[in-house]
Amino acid sequence: MNREYTYKTNGEVPPGEQLPDGLRRIALGVEYCGARLHGFQKQQSASETVQAHLERALSGIAAEPVTLVCAGRTDAGVHATNQVIHFDTKAQRPERAWVEGVNTKLPDCVRVRWARQVPAQFHARFSARARSYRYLIHSAPTRSAQAASEVTWTRHPLDIDAMRAGAKYLVGEHDFSSYRAAQCQAKSPVREITRLDIARVGQLIVLEISANAFLHHMVRNIAGVLMAVGRGERKPQWVREVLEARDRTAGGVTAPPFGLYLVDVQYPHEFQLPTSEPGPLLVPLPLGRLPV
């Protein structure tokens, strides 16, 4: 039996259905530095979140209450160069207002990069086909004063070749139970990593990882395991042993949040969203173009 569609604010809209009259769906590309923020998701106990800042600013420009949905929630201390959100609104504003106007109401650590009116079937989370992260590591005897909260620092030298050898075991579709947080609420631990590259870029070691979706803490747990391999504490084969254990306690190494950046979210071409450089500014290279 077919069930009649009922509109829900910012919710999924089935093919053939439309938003209620007078509503339009707007997508935004958002960049933020998470160092002083309590993560993306709005919280009753913390006002300094990306979502809270954006909803206040958007509501001011729209002259009505605005709530939003994002492509993927990030933890406290985690950054983004190309987060994608969407919201439904009755307000008729030019795209410029959703960018320049909203930015005047945001703190310096959050910025809207672009805005587009999108079809009703677009959903920032459920329409996404892939996501990419970069994890930045500064391996040096002393911590940098210039990027203390923008990279993860380790005083230990890291063997990139050993890390690359371990990373190969993670590419493909696997059960990543060992690489997700104990509190992860995803129904299935199966994900497909399509690329996991590691390279030295200037003074940084950069991990670039793309997958159809990620589990809670998945990238940070992968980074922690690979850094242990890089320090020589474990052999590259340990990465596979952790994976095959399907047990979070097998690895138990979660890297800090500071070096993690959400740098790209891919959607079907039919939505015609703008493309942006992945960034961050410390890594001015396109995706898939890290040095060999």
C-alpha atoms as a PDB file:
ATOM      1  CA  MET A   1       0.000   0.000   0.000  1.00  0.00           C
ATOM      2  CA  ASN A   2       1.368   3.398  -0.957  1.00  0.00           C
ATOM      3  CA  ARG A   3       1.608   5.818   1.896  1.00  0.00           C
ATOM      4  CA  GLU A   4       0.806   9.452   1.281  1.00  0.00           C
ATOM      5  CA  TYR A   5       3.851  11.692   1.497  1.00  0.00           C
ATOM      6  CA  THR A   6       3.916  14.103   4.450  1.00  0.00           C
ATOM      7  CA  TYR A   7       6.373  16.984   4.374  1.00  0.00           C
ATOM      8  CA  LYS A   8       8.880  17.302   7.212  1.00  0.00           C
ATOM      9  CA  THR A   9      11.142  20.325   7.585  1.00  0.00           C
ATOM     10  CA  ASN A  10      14.453  19.669   5.781  1.00  0.00           C
ATOM     11  CA  GLY A  11      13.446  16.041   5.290  1.00  0.00           C
ATOM     12  CA  GLU A  12      13.758  13.710   2.311  1.00  0.00           C
ATOM     13  CA  VAL A  13      11.320  14.412  -0.521  1.00  0.00           C
ATOM     14  CA  PRO A  14      10.457  11.402  -2.721  1.00  0.00           C
ATOM     15  CA  PRO A  15      10.812  11.656  -6.514  1.00  0.00           C
ATOM     16  CA  GLY A  16       7.781  13.311  -8.044  1.00  0.00           C
ATOM     17  CA  GLU A  17       6.910  15.198  -4.873  1.00  0.00           C
ATOM     18  CA  GLN A  18       7.575  18.883  -4.222  1.00  0.00           C
ATOM     19  CA  LEU A  19       8.017  21.182  -1.278  1.00  0.00           C
ATOM     20  CA  PRO A  20       4.875  22.914  -0.014  1.00  0.00           C
ATOM     21  CA  ASP A  21       3.956  26.103  -1.853  1.00  0.00           C
ATOM     22  CA  GLY A  22       6.146  29.028  -0.909  1.00  0.00           C
ATOM     23  CA  LEU A  23       9.053  26.944   0.393  1.00  0.00           C
ATOM     24  CA  ARG A  24      12.429  26.627  -1.303  1.00  0.00           C
ATOM     25  CA  ARG A  25      15.427  24.472  -0.430  1.00  0.00           C
ATOM     26  CA  ILE A  26      18.840  26.149  -0.186  1.00  0.00           C
ATOM     27  CA  ALA A  27      22.211  24.395  -0.059  1.00  0.00           C
ATOM     28  CA  LEU A  28      25.345  26.037   1.336  1.00  0.00           C
ATOM     29  CA  GLY A  29      29.029  25.156   1.259  1.00  0.00           C
ATOM     30  CA  VAL A  30      30.551  25.897   4.655  1.00  0.00           C
ATOM     31  CA  GLU A  31      34.094  26.194   5.976  1.00  0.00           C
ATOM     32  CA  TYR A  32      35.047  26.304   9.640  1.00  0.00           C
ATOM     33  CA  CYS A  33      37.931  26.016  12.071  1.00  0.00           C
ATOM     34  CA  GLY A  34      36.795  23.719  14.848  1.00  0.00           C
ATOM     35  CA  ALA A  35      39.523  24.586  17.348  1.00  0.00           C
ATOM     36  CA  ARG A  36      37.266  26.796  19.501  1.00  0.00           C
ATOM     37  CA  LEU A  37      34.001  25.036  18.706  1.00  0.00           C
ATOM     38  CA  HIS A  38      32.186  22.179  20.422  1.00  0.00           C
ATOM     39  CA  GLY A  39      31.622  20.281  17.196  1.00  0.00           C
ATOM     40  CA  PHE A  40      29.026  20.726  14.480  1.00  0.00           C
ATOM     41  CA  GLN A  41      25.836  19.555  16.173  1.00  0.00           C
ATOM     42  CA  LYS A  42      23.782  21.987  18.238  1.00  0.00           C
ATOM     43  CA  GLN A  43      23.820  21.206  21.963  1.00  0.00           C
ATOM     44  CA  GLN A  44      21.828  22.502  24.902  1.00  0.00           C
ATOM     45  CA  SER A  45      24.975  22.653  27.022  1.00  0.00           C
ATOM     46  CA  ALA A  46      27.182  24.464  24.480  1.00  0.00           C
ATOM     47  CA  SER A  47      26.364  27.495  22.332  1.00  0.00           C
ATOM     48  CA  GLU A  48      29.670  27.449  20.441  1.00  0.00           C
ATOM     49  CA  THR A  49      28.767  24.905  17.750  1.00  0.00           C
ATOM     50  CA  VAL A  50      28.773  25.273  13.979  1.00  0.00           C
ATOM     51  CA  GLN A  51      25.075  24.480  13.719  1.00  0.00           C
ATOM     52  CA  ALA A  52      24.093  26.989  16.395  1.00  0.00           C
ATOM     53  CA  HIS A  53      26.108  29.778  14.773  1.00  0.00           C
ATOM     54  CA  LEU A  54      24.712  29.024  11.313  1.00  0.00           C
ATOM     55  CA  GLU A  55      21.098  28.745  12.413  1.00  0.00           C
ATOM     56  CA  ARG A  56      21.263  32.067  14.262  1.00  0.00           C
ATOM     57  CA  ALA A  57      22.834  33.796  11.266  1.00  0.00           C
ATOM     58  CA  LEU A  58      20.464  32.229   8.726  1.00  0.00           C
ATOM     59  CA  SER A  59      17.436  33.074  10.849  1.00  0.00           C
ATOM     60  CA  GLY A  60      18.560  36.686  10.931  1.00  0.00           C
ATOM     61  CA  ILE A  61      18.850  36.919   7.153  1.00  0.00           C
ATOM     62  CA  ALA A  62      15.647  34.952   6.536  1.00  0.00           C
ATOM     63  CA  ALA A  63      13.690  36.907   9.173  1.00  0.00           C
ATOM     64  CA  GLU A  64      12.228  33.580  10.310  1.00  0.00           C
ATOM     65  CA  PRO A  65      13.468  30.598  12.359  1.00  0.00           C
ATOM     66  CA  VAL A  66      15.778  28.375  10.304  1.00  0.00           C
ATOM     67  CA  THR A  67      17.010  24.867  11.094  1.00  0.00           C
ATOM     68  CA  LEU A  68      19.420  22.899   8.964  1.00  0.00           C
ATOM     69  CA  VAL A  69      20.838  19.493   8.021  1.00  0.00           C
ATOM     70  CA  CYS A  70      24.507  18.775   7.264  1.00  0.00           C
ATOM     71  CA  ALA A  71      26.362  16.203   5.169  1.00  0.00           C
ATOM     72  CA  GLY A  72      28.218  14.853   8.172  1.00  0.00           C
ATOM     73  CA  ARG A  73      28.526  15.970  11.783  1.00  0.00           C
ATOM     74  CA  THR A  74      32.058  16.659  12.968  1.00  0.00           C
ATOM     75  CA  ASP A  75      33.396  16.422  16.515  1.00  0.00           C
ATOM     76  CA  ALA A  76      34.822  19.164  18.698  1.00  0.00           C
ATOM     77  CA  GLY A  77      38.171  20.343  17.349  1.00  0.00           C
ATOM     78  CA  VAL A  78      37.547  18.969  13.839  1.00  0.00           C
ATOM     79  CA  HIS A  79      37.600  21.344  10.861  1.00  0.00           C
ATOM     80  CA  ALA A  80      35.899  21.505   7.468  1.00  0.00           C
ATOM     81  CA  THR A  81      36.675  23.222   4.199  1.00  0.00           C
ATOM     82  CA  ASN A  82      33.682  21.886   2.259  1.00  0.00           C
ATOM     83  CA  GLN A  83      30.902  20.930   4.626  1.00  0.00           C
ATOM     84  CA  VAL A  84      27.500  20.978   2.897  1.00  0.00           C
ATOM     85  CA  ILE A  85      24.221  21.905   4.565  1.00  0.00           C
ATOM     86  CA  HIS A  86      20.666  22.544   3.424  1.00  0.00           C
ATOM     87  CA  PHE A  87      17.599  24.250   4.867  1.00  0.00           C
ATOM     88  CA  ASP A  88      14.027  24.984   3.820  1.00  0.00           C
ATOM     89  CA  THR A  89      12.771  28.552   3.955  1.00  0.00           C
ATOM     90  CA  LYS A  90       9.957  30.832   2.829  1.00  0.00           C
ATOM     91  CA  ALA A  91      12.389  33.722   2.503  1.00  0.00           C
ATOM     92  CA  GLN A  92      13.212  34.899  -1.002  1.00  0.00           C
ATOM     93  CA  ARG A  93      16.794  36.075  -0.996  1.00  0.00           C
ATOM     94  CA  PRO A  94      19.458  36.272  -3.710  1.00  0.00           C
ATOM     95  CA  GLU A  95      22.293  33.760  -3.374  1.00  0.00           C
ATOM     96  CA  ARG A  96      24.575  36.652  -2.474  1.00  0.00           C
ATOM     97  CA  ALA A  97      22.552  37.294   0.680  1.00  0.00           C
ATOM     98  CA  TRP A  98      22.928  33.687   1.813  1.00  0.00           C
ATOM     99  CA  VAL A  99      26.706  34.087   1.476  1.00  0.00           C
ATOM    100  CA  GLU A 100      27.748  37.667   2.205  1.00  0.00           C
ATOM    101  CA  GLY A 101      24.812  38.536   4.439  1.00  0.00           C
ATOM    102  CA  VAL A 102      25.100  35.393   6.549  1.00  0.00           C
ATOM    103  CA  ASN A 103      28.869  35.808   6.869  1.00  0.00           C
ATOM    104  CA  THR A 104      28.413  39.223   8.482  1.00  0.00           C
ATOM    105  CA  LYS A 105      26.551  37.462  11.311  1.00  0.00           C
ATOM    106  CA  LEU A 106      29.036  34.612  11.812  1.00  0.00           C
ATOM    107  CA  PRO A 107      32.170  34.447  13.976  1.00  0.00           C
ATOM    108  CA  ASP A 108      35.484  34.470  12.136  1.00  0.00           C
ATOM    109  CA  CYS A 109      35.871  30.695  12.550  1.00  0.00           C
ATOM    110  CA  VAL A 110      32.789  29.914  10.393  1.00  0.00           C
ATOM    111  CA  ARG A 111      32.230  31.006   6.788  1.00  0.00           C
ATOM    112  CA  VAL A 112      29.726  30.287   4.024  1.00  0.00           C
ATOM    113  CA  ARG A 113      31.579  29.737   0.726  1.00  0.00           C
ATOM    114  CA  TRP A 114      28.647  29.369  -1.706  1.00  0.00           C
ATOM    115  CA  ALA A 115      24.865  29.092  -1.906  1.00  0.00           C
ATOM    116  CA  ARG A 116      22.501  27.419  -4.381  1.00  0.00           C
ATOM    117  CA  GLN A 117      18.775  26.846  -4.562  1.00  0.00           C
ATOM    118  CA  VAL A 118      18.412  23.093  -5.087  1.00  0.00           C
ATOM    119  CA  PRO A 119      15.609  20.714  -6.100  1.00  0.00           C
ATOM    120  CA  ALA A 120      13.328  19.317  -3.424  1.00  0.00           C
ATOM    121  CA  GLN A 121      14.967  15.899  -3.819  1.00  0.00           C
ATOM    122  CA  PHE A 122      18.364  17.197  -2.664  1.00  0.00           C
ATOM    123  CA  HIS A 123      19.344  16.224   0.869  1.00  0.00           C
ATOM    124  CA  ALA A 124      22.732  17.227   2.276  1.00  0.00           C
ATOM    125  CA  ARG A 125      23.190  13.913   4.075  1.00  0.00           C
ATOM    126  CA  PHE A 126      21.250  11.309   2.135  1.00  0.00           C
ATOM    127  CA  SER A 127      22.075  12.551  -1.372  1.00  0.00           C
ATOM    128  CA  ALA A 128      25.830  12.394  -0.708  1.00  0.00           C
ATOM    129  CA  ARG A 129      27.616   9.638  -2.627  1.00  0.00           C
ATOM    130  CA  ALA A 130      31.103  10.000  -1.117  1.00  0.00           C
ATOM    131  CA  ARG A 131      33.044  12.017   1.401  1.00  0.00           C
ATOM    132  CA  SER A 132      36.734  12.831   1.683  1.00  0.00           C
ATOM    133  CA  TYR A 133      38.861  13.838   4.644  1.00  0.00           C
ATOM    134  CA  ARG A 134      42.432  14.990   5.066  1.00  0.00           C
ATOM    135  CA  TYR A 135      44.366  14.400   8.270  1.00  0.00           C
ATOM    136  CA  LEU A 136      47.400  16.662   8.805  1.00  0.00           C
ATOM    137  CA  ILE A 137      50.330  15.537  10.969  1.00  0.00           C
ATOM    138  CA  HIS A 138      53.288  17.698  11.960  1.00  0.00           C
ATOM    139  CA  SER A 139      56.171  15.371  12.839  1.00  0.00           C
ATOM    140  CA  ALA A 140      58.843  17.524  14.475  1.00  0.00           C
ATOM    141  CA  PRO A 141      60.819  17.803  17.747  1.00  0.00           C
ATOM    142  CA  THR A 142      58.735  20.797  18.885  1.00  0.00           C
ATOM    143  CA  ARG A 143      55.138  21.838  18.352  1.00  0.00           C
ATOM    144  CA  SER A 144      54.505  24.688  15.932  1.00  0.00           C
ATOM    145  CA  ALA A 145      53.204  27.903  17.496  1.00  0.00           C
ATOM    146  CA  GLN A 146      51.548  28.889  14.202  1.00  0.00           C
ATOM    147  CA  ALA A 147      49.287  25.880  13.715  1.00  0.00           C
ATOM    148  CA  ALA A 148      48.893  24.382  17.158  1.00  0.00           C
ATOM    149  CA  SER A 149      45.174  23.679  16.725  1.00  0.00           C
ATOM    150  CA  GLU A 150      45.135  23.111  12.965  1.00  0.00           C
ATOM    151  CA  VAL A 151      47.418  20.045  12.789  1.00  0.00           C
ATOM    152  CA  THR A 152      48.189  17.044  14.961  1.00  0.00           C
ATOM    153  CA  TRP A 153      51.696  17.195  16.345  1.00  0.00           C
ATOM    154  CA  THR A 154      53.959  14.285  17.211  1.00  0.00           C
ATOM    155  CA  ARG A 155      57.575  14.536  18.317  1.00  0.00           C
ATOM    156  CA  HIS A 156      58.294  11.092  16.853  1.00  0.00           C
ATOM    157  CA  PRO A 157      59.599  10.596  13.300  1.00  0.00           C
ATOM    158  CA  LEU A 158      57.096   8.672  11.161  1.00  0.00           C
ATOM    159  CA  ASP A 159      57.971   6.064   8.531  1.00  0.00           C
ATOM    160  CA  ILE A 160      55.673   6.959   5.625  1.00  0.00           C
ATOM    161  CA  ASP A 161      56.476   3.802   3.676  1.00  0.00           C
ATOM    162  CA  ALA A 162      55.406   1.637   6.616  1.00  0.00           C
ATOM    163  CA  MET A 163      52.213   3.663   6.997  1.00  0.00           C
ATOM    164  CA  ARG A 164      51.449   3.260   3.283  1.00  0.00           C
ATOM    165  CA  ALA A 165      51.991  -0.494   3.532  1.00  0.00           C
ATOM    166  CA  GLY A 166      49.528  -0.691   6.407  1.00  0.00           C
ATOM    167  CA  ALA A 167      46.991   1.585   4.719  1.00  0.00           C
ATOM    168  CA  LYS A 168      46.636  -0.819   1.777  1.00  0.00           C
ATOM    169  CA  TYR A 169      44.803  -3.296   3.985  1.00  0.00           C
ATOM    170  CA  LEU A 170      41.990  -0.802   4.557  1.00  0.00           C
ATOM    171  CA  VAL A 171      41.146   0.023   0.939  1.00  0.00           C
ATOM    172  CA  GLY A 172      37.961  -1.650  -0.307  1.00  0.00           C
ATOM    173  CA  GLU A 173      34.724  -2.717   1.375  1.00  0.00           C
ATOM    174  CA  HIS A 174      35.201  -4.025   4.905  1.00  0.00           C
ATOM    175  CA  ASP A 175      33.592  -4.347   8.293  1.00  0.00           C
ATOM    176  CA  PHE A 176      35.212  -1.438  10.150  1.00  0.00           C
ATOM    177  CA  SER A 177      33.947  -2.340  13.632  1.00  0.00           C
ATOM    178  CA  SER A 178      37.505  -2.087  14.968  1.00  0.00           C
ATOM    179  CA  TYR A 179      37.833   1.441  13.605  1.00  0.00           C
ATOM    180  CA  ARG A 180      34.679   3.055  14.933  1.00  0.00           C
ATOM    181  CA  ALA A 181      33.868   4.661  18.260  1.00  0.00           C
ATOM    182  CA  ALA A 182      32.270   2.519  20.937  1.00  0.00           C
ATOM    183  CA  GLN A 183      29.282   4.908  20.947  1.00  0.00           C
ATOM    184  CA  CYS A 184      28.850   4.822  17.156  1.00  0.00           C
ATOM    185  CA  GLN A 185      25.154   4.481  16.294  1.00  0.00           C
ATOM    186  CA  ALA A 186      25.471   3.399  12.644  1.00  0.00           C
ATOM    187  CA  LYS A 187      23.331   0.336  11.903  1.00  0.00           C
ATOM    188  CA  SER A 188      26.046  -1.295   9.780  1.00  0.00           C
ATOM    189  CA  PRO A 189      29.834  -1.141  10.273  1.00  0.00           C
ATOM    190  CA  VAL A 190      30.461  -1.920   6.593  1.00  0.00           C
ATOM    191  CA  ARG A 191      32.003   0.909   4.578  1.00  0.00           C
ATOM    192  CA  GLU A 192      33.993   1.134   1.349  1.00  0.00           C
ATOM    193  CA  ILE A 193      37.238   3.114   1.299  1.00  0.00           C
ATOM    194  CA  THR A 194      38.044   4.030  -2.287  1.00  0.00           C
ATOM    195  CA  ARG A 195      41.313   5.859  -1.623  1.00  0.00           C
ATOM    196  CA  LEU A 196      43.767   6.154   1.248  1.00  0.00           C
ATOM    197  CA  ASP A 197      46.905   8.077   0.276  1.00  0.00           C
ATOM    198  CA  ILE A 198      49.751   9.220   2.516  1.00  0.00           C
ATOM    199  CA  ALA A 199      52.356  11.769   1.481  1.00  0.00           C
ATOM    200  CA  ARG A 200      54.681  14.443   2.770  1.00  0.00           C
ATOM    201  CA  VAL A 201      53.542  17.952   1.813  1.00  0.00           C
ATOM    202  CA  GLY A 202      56.012  20.566   2.953  1.00  0.00           C
ATOM    203  CA  GLN A 203      56.554  20.019   6.675  1.00  0.00           C
ATOM    204  CA  LEU A 204      53.380  17.966   7.021  1.00  0.00           C
ATOM    205  CA  ILE A 205      52.420  14.329   6.573  1.00  0.00           C
ATOM    206  CA  VAL A 206      48.965  14.207   4.989  1.00  0.00           C
ATOM    207  CA  LEU A 207      46.504  11.317   5.038  1.00  0.00           C
ATOM    208  CA  GLU A 208      43.821  11.632   2.351  1.00  0.00           C
ATOM    209  CA  ILE A 209      40.912   9.236   2.620  1.00  0.00           C
ATOM    210  CA  SER A 210      37.722   8.882   0.564  1.00  0.00           C
ATOM    211  CA  ALA A 211      34.805   6.531   1.221  1.00  0.00           C
ATOM    212  CA  ASN A 212      31.116   6.134   0.509  1.00  0.00           C
ATOM    213  CA  ALA A 213      30.506   7.038   4.166  1.00  0.00           C
ATOM    214  CA  PHE A 214      32.333   7.050   7.482  1.00  0.00           C
ATOM    215  CA  LEU A 215      31.651   5.726  10.953  1.00  0.00           C
ATOM    216  CA  HIS A 216      32.018   7.801  14.122  1.00  0.00           C
ATOM    217  CA  HIS A 217      35.749   8.414  14.785  1.00  0.00           C
ATOM    218  CA  MET A 218      36.646   6.153  11.854  1.00  0.00           C
ATOM    219  CA  VAL A 219      39.223   8.493  10.312  1.00  0.00           C
ATOM    220  CA  ARG A 220      40.790   9.393  13.649  1.00  0.00           C
ATOM    221  CA  ASN A 221      41.042   5.726  14.626  1.00  0.00           C
ATOM    222  CA  ILE A 222      42.634   4.871  11.288  1.00  0.00           C
ATOM    223  CA  ALA A 223      45.077   7.757  11.716  1.00  0.00           C
ATOM    224  CA  GLY A 224      45.943   6.595  15.233  1.00  0.00           C
ATOM    225  CA  VAL A 225      46.679   3.050  14.108  1.00  0.00           C
ATOM    226  CA  LEU A 226      48.748   4.209  11.138  1.00  0.00           C
ATOM    227  CA  MET A 227      50.731   6.616  13.310  1.00  0.00           C
ATOM    228  CA  ALA A 228      51.573   3.734  15.665  1.00  0.00           C
ATOM    229  CA  VAL A 229      52.877   1.862  12.619  1.00  0.00           C
ATOM    230  CA  GLY A 230      54.795   4.951  11.501  1.00  0.00           C
ATOM    231  CA  ARG A 231      56.490   5.209  14.891  1.00  0.00           C
ATOM    232  CA  GLY A 232      57.663   1.606  14.568  1.00  0.00           C
ATOM    233  CA  GLU A 233      55.569   0.399  17.496  1.00  0.00           C
ATOM    234  CA  ARG A 234      53.681  -2.019  15.249  1.00  0.00           C
ATOM    235  CA  LYS A 235      54.256  -3.745  11.913  1.00  0.00           C
ATOM    236  CA  PRO A 236      52.113  -2.783   8.889  1.00  0.00           C
ATOM    237  CA  GLN A 237      50.326  -6.143   9.132  1.00  0.00           C
ATOM    238  CA  TRP A 238      48.862  -5.021  12.449  1.00  0.00           C
ATOM    239  CA  VAL A 239      46.500  -2.734  10.520  1.00  0.00           C
ATOM    240  CA  ARG A 240      44.953  -5.845   8.942  1.00  0.00           C
ATOM    241  CA  GLU A 241      44.874  -7.711  12.250  1.00  0.00           C
ATOM    242  CA  VAL A 242      42.957  -4.861  13.850  1.00  0.00           C
ATOM    243  CA  LEU A 243      40.535  -4.785  10.911  1.00  0.00           C
ATOM    244  CA  GLU A 244      39.907  -8.534  10.996  1.00  0.00           C
ATOM    245  CA  ALA A 245      39.343  -8.549  14.772  1.00  0.00           C
ATOM    246  CA  ARG A 246      36.136  -6.538  14.313  1.00  0.00           C
ATOM    247  CA  ASP A 247      36.615  -5.349  17.879  1.00  0.00           C
ATOM    248  CA  ARG A 248      37.210  -1.720  18.886  1.00  0.00           C
ATOM    249  CA  THR A 249      39.576  -2.776  21.666  1.00  0.00           C
ATOM    250  CA  ALA A 250      41.930  -4.405  19.141  1.00  0.00           C
ATOM    251  CA  GLY A 251      43.255  -1.031  18.042  1.00  0.00           C
ATOM    252  CA  GLY A 252      42.338   1.363  20.782  1.00  0.00           C
ATOM    253  CA  VAL A 253      44.277   4.291  19.295  1.00  0.00           C
ATOM    254  CA  THR A 254      42.282   7.436  18.525  1.00  0.00           C
ATOM    255  CA  ALA A 255      44.260  10.304  17.020  1.00  0.00           C
ATOM    256  CA  PRO A 256      43.536  13.877  18.190  1.00  0.00           C
ATOM    257  CA  PRO A 257      40.843  15.870  16.344  1.00  0.00           C
ATOM    258  CA  PHE A 258      42.985  18.902  15.487  1.00  0.00           C
ATOM    259  CA  GLY A 259      44.453  17.594  12.225  1.00  0.00           C
ATOM    260  CA  LEU A 260      41.176  16.351  10.753  1.00  0.00           C
ATOM    261  CA  TYR A 261      39.420  18.208   7.918  1.00  0.00           C
ATOM    262  CA  LEU A 262      36.253  17.330   5.995  1.00  0.00           C
ATOM    263  CA  VAL A 263      37.399  18.493   2.557  1.00  0.00           C
ATOM    264  CA  ASP A 264      34.864  17.205   0.028  1.00  0.00           C
ATOM    265  CA  VAL A 265      31.346  15.805  -0.276  1.00  0.00           C
ATOM    266  CA  GLN A 266      30.320  14.371  -3.639  1.00  0.00           C
ATOM    267  CA  TYR A 267      26.761  14.533  -4.995  1.00  0.00           C
ATOM    268  CA  PRO A 268      25.126  13.444  -8.262  1.00  0.00           C
ATOM    269  CA  HIS A 269      25.824  15.907 -11.086  1.00  0.00           C
ATOM    270  CA  GLU A 270      22.091  16.539 -11.496  1.00  0.00           C
ATOM    271  CA  PHE A 271      22.188  18.861  -8.471  1.00  0.00           C
ATOM    272  CA  GLN A 272      24.847  21.072 -10.116  1.00  0.00           C
ATOM    273  CA  LEU A 273      26.531  22.144  -6.907  1.00  0.00           C
ATOM    274  CA  PRO A 274      29.641  24.336  -7.123  1.00  0.00           C
ATOM    275  CA  THR A 275      33.049  22.699  -6.884  1.00  0.00           C
ATOM    276  CA  SER A 276      35.676  24.054  -4.508  1.00  0.00           C
ATOM    277  CA  GLU A 277      39.317  23.349  -3.832  1.00  0.00           C
ATOM    278  CA  PRO A 278      39.549  20.756  -1.057  1.00  0.00           C
ATOM    279  CA  GLY A 279      42.109  22.616   1.041  1.00  0.00           C
ATOM    280  CA  PRO A 280      42.949  23.448   3.714  1.00  0.00           C
ATOM    281  CA  LEU A 281      45.308  26.299   2.839  1.00  0.00           C
ATOM    282  CA  LEU A 282      48.166  24.244   4.284  1.00  0.00           C
ATOM    283  CA  VAL A 283      47.598  21.639   1.532  1.00  0.00           C
ATOM    284  CA  PRO A 284      46.859  23.529  -1.740  1.00  0.00           C
ATOM    285  CA  LEU A 285      46.456  20.371  -3.836  1.00  0.00           C
ATOM    286  CA  PRO A 286      43.461  18.800  -5.645  1.00  0.00           C
ATOM    287  CA  LEU A 287      42.046  15.530  -4.329  1.00  0.00           C
ATOM    288  CA  GLY A 288      43.990  12.514  -5.508  1.00  0.00           C
ATOM    289  CA  ARG A 289      47.057  14.624  -6.305  1.00  0.00           C
ATOM    290  CA  LEU A 290      49.222  14.162  -3.239  1.00  0.00           C
ATOM    291  CA  PRO A 291      52.904  13.670  -4.185  1.00  0.00           C
ATOM    292  CA  VAL A 292      54.058  10.075  -4.537  1.00  0.00           C
END
